[in-house]
Amino acid sequence: MLAACIEAAPIRITSLVDVDLKEANPMERRYPEVVGVRRTGWAALDRDPQEDTVEYVCPHCGKRGQKNARRERTLYHFTDGFLQDLQGEVTNCRACGQSLRVVPIVMLHDQDETRRFEAVFSDELPADAHKSAA
């Protein structure tokens, strides 16, 4: 009886897997990266002090989002003039549901750091800078 079951079983696996052979590791996922901001101290006066969130702008839909910060503040390192978490976190946008990676996460403590961050990470220069250069 056991021999009949073995003979009836398929001899080979016939399922196909859709894999891009150009990829070095096809199981590795790549998420779009976006800069996150974690406001503490004087930079976070507009919200409840017990909330500790990371703010970001979704690269898929362009909407502002936030998530609870998970990493300890002591794990942030001073890099390029700011305290940053260079490992980042993976999250889903609540507006469009797409996955994304928030990295780096920059910790801002006061208004001066906020202004410096906006100057460094802004995509366009202020109009006054163009006039003074001319």
Protein backbone atom coordinates (compact mmCIF):
# COMPACT_ATOMS: atom_id res chain seq x y z
CA MET A 1 0.00 0.00 0.00
CA LEU A 2 2.82 2.41 0.79
CA ALA A 3 4.43 1.63 -2.56
CA ALA A 4 1.24 2.69 -4.39
CA CYS A 5 1.27 6.09 -2.61
CA ILE A 6 4.89 6.71 -3.49
CA GLU A 7 4.29 5.82 -7.15
CA ALA A 8 1.27 8.18 -7.29
CA ALA A 9 3.26 11.14 -5.91
CA PRO A 10 4.62 13.63 -8.49
CA ILE A 11 8.21 12.98 -9.48
CA ARG A 12 9.24 16.63 -9.82
CA ILE A 13 8.28 20.02 -8.49
CA THR A 14 6.50 22.00 -11.17
CA SER A 15 6.01 25.39 -9.48
CA LEU A 16 7.70 28.38 -11.06
CA VAL A 17 9.26 31.28 -9.16
CA ASP A 18 9.43 34.76 -10.66
CA VAL A 19 12.98 35.89 -9.83
CA ASP A 20 15.06 38.60 -11.46
CA LEU A 21 18.38 36.87 -12.11
CA LYS A 22 20.17 40.23 -12.40
CA GLU A 23 19.73 40.89 -8.69
CA ALA A 24 22.57 39.78 -6.43
CA ASN A 25 20.18 38.71 -3.68
CA PRO A 26 16.60 38.36 -4.96
CA MET A 27 15.16 38.08 -1.43
CA GLU A 28 16.55 41.46 -0.33
CA ARG A 29 13.97 44.24 -0.40
CA ARG A 30 14.78 47.85 -1.22
CA TYR A 31 12.59 50.55 0.25
CA PRO A 32 12.70 54.21 -0.83
CA GLU A 33 14.57 56.26 1.75
CA VAL A 34 13.32 59.48 3.30
CA VAL A 35 14.79 61.83 5.90
CA GLY A 36 13.08 61.73 9.29
CA VAL A 37 13.04 64.35 12.04
CA ARG A 38 12.79 63.64 15.76
CA ARG A 39 12.08 66.83 17.72
CA THR A 40 13.03 67.06 21.39
CA GLY A 41 13.30 69.85 23.95
CA TRP A 42 12.69 73.36 22.65
CA ALA A 43 12.01 72.12 19.11
CA ALA A 44 9.01 70.11 20.37
CA LEU A 45 7.12 72.83 22.24
CA ASP A 46 4.08 72.51 19.94
CA ARG A 47 3.19 68.97 21.07
CA ASP A 48 2.70 66.84 24.17
CA PRO A 49 6.12 66.29 25.82
CA GLN A 50 5.38 62.60 26.35
CA GLU A 51 4.93 61.99 22.62
CA ASP A 52 8.18 60.99 20.97
CA THR A 53 7.60 60.77 17.24
CA VAL A 54 9.59 60.72 14.01
CA GLU A 55 8.19 63.00 11.29
CA TYR A 56 8.71 62.39 7.56
CA VAL A 57 7.26 63.15 4.12
CA CYS A 58 6.25 60.08 2.11
CA PRO A 59 8.14 59.84 -1.22
CA HIS A 60 5.18 57.99 -2.82
CA CYS A 61 2.26 60.30 -2.07
CA GLY A 62 3.98 63.43 -0.69
CA LYS A 63 1.93 63.54 2.53
CA ARG A 64 3.45 64.25 5.92
CA GLY A 65 3.52 61.29 8.25
CA GLN A 66 4.77 60.35 11.66
CA LYS A 67 5.55 57.23 13.62
CA ASN A 68 6.54 56.50 17.18
CA ALA A 69 10.28 56.64 17.72
CA ARG A 70 11.65 53.24 18.68
CA ARG A 71 15.38 53.69 19.13
CA GLU A 72 16.91 55.10 22.29
CA ARG A 73 18.29 58.63 22.07
CA THR A 74 21.65 57.35 23.28
CA LEU A 75 22.04 55.38 20.01
CA TYR A 76 22.16 58.59 17.95
CA HIS A 77 25.62 59.73 16.85
CA PHE A 78 26.98 63.17 15.99
CA THR A 79 27.36 63.11 12.19
CA ASP A 80 27.57 66.02 9.75
CA GLY A 81 26.71 68.58 12.42
CA PHE A 82 23.58 66.83 13.76
CA LEU A 83 22.71 63.98 16.10
CA GLN A 84 21.55 61.27 13.69
CA ASP A 85 20.39 57.68 13.63
CA LEU A 86 21.98 56.30 10.46
CA GLN A 87 20.37 52.84 10.78
CA GLY A 88 16.85 54.23 10.48
CA GLU A 89 13.54 52.41 10.67
CA VAL A 90 11.18 50.79 8.17
CA THR A 91 7.54 51.86 8.27
CA ASN A 92 4.38 52.05 6.17
CA CYS A 93 2.83 55.35 5.13
CA ARG A 94 -0.58 55.70 6.74
CA ALA A 95 -1.92 57.68 3.78
CA CYS A 96 -0.99 55.39 0.87
CA GLY A 97 0.10 52.19 2.64
CA GLN A 98 3.46 51.95 0.82
CA SER A 99 6.57 50.75 2.65
CA LEU A 100 9.46 53.15 3.12
CA ARG A 101 12.65 53.48 5.12
CA VAL A 102 13.14 56.54 7.33
CA VAL A 103 16.90 57.15 7.31
CA PRO A 104 18.68 59.18 8.51
CA ILE A 105 16.62 60.30 11.48
CA VAL A 106 17.90 63.67 12.61
CA MET A 107 17.32 64.73 16.22
CA LEU A 108 16.58 68.44 16.61
CA HIS A 109 16.66 69.94 20.12
CA ASP A 110 16.12 73.69 19.66
CA GLN A 111 15.09 76.33 17.13
CA ASP A 112 18.70 76.99 15.97
CA GLU A 113 19.14 73.33 15.05
CA THR A 114 15.77 73.40 13.29
CA ARG A 115 16.85 76.37 11.14
CA ARG A 116 20.20 74.74 10.35
CA PHE A 117 18.45 71.48 9.40
CA GLU A 118 16.06 73.28 7.08
CA ALA A 119 18.96 75.13 5.44
CA VAL A 120 21.02 71.96 4.92
CA PHE A 121 18.23 69.63 3.80
CA SER A 122 16.09 72.08 1.79
CA ASP A 123 15.85 71.40 -1.94
CA GLU A 124 15.87 75.00 -3.04
CA LEU A 125 17.94 78.00 -2.03
CA PRO A 126 16.24 81.10 -0.62
CA ALA A 127 15.66 83.91 -3.13
CA ASP A 128 17.92 86.26 -1.11
CA ALA A 129 20.94 83.97 -1.70
CA HIS A 130 20.51 84.25 -5.48
CA LYS A 131 20.35 88.07 -5.34
CA SER A 132 23.48 88.43 -3.15
CA ALA A 133 25.49 86.09 -5.43
CA ALA A 134 24.71 88.15 -8.53
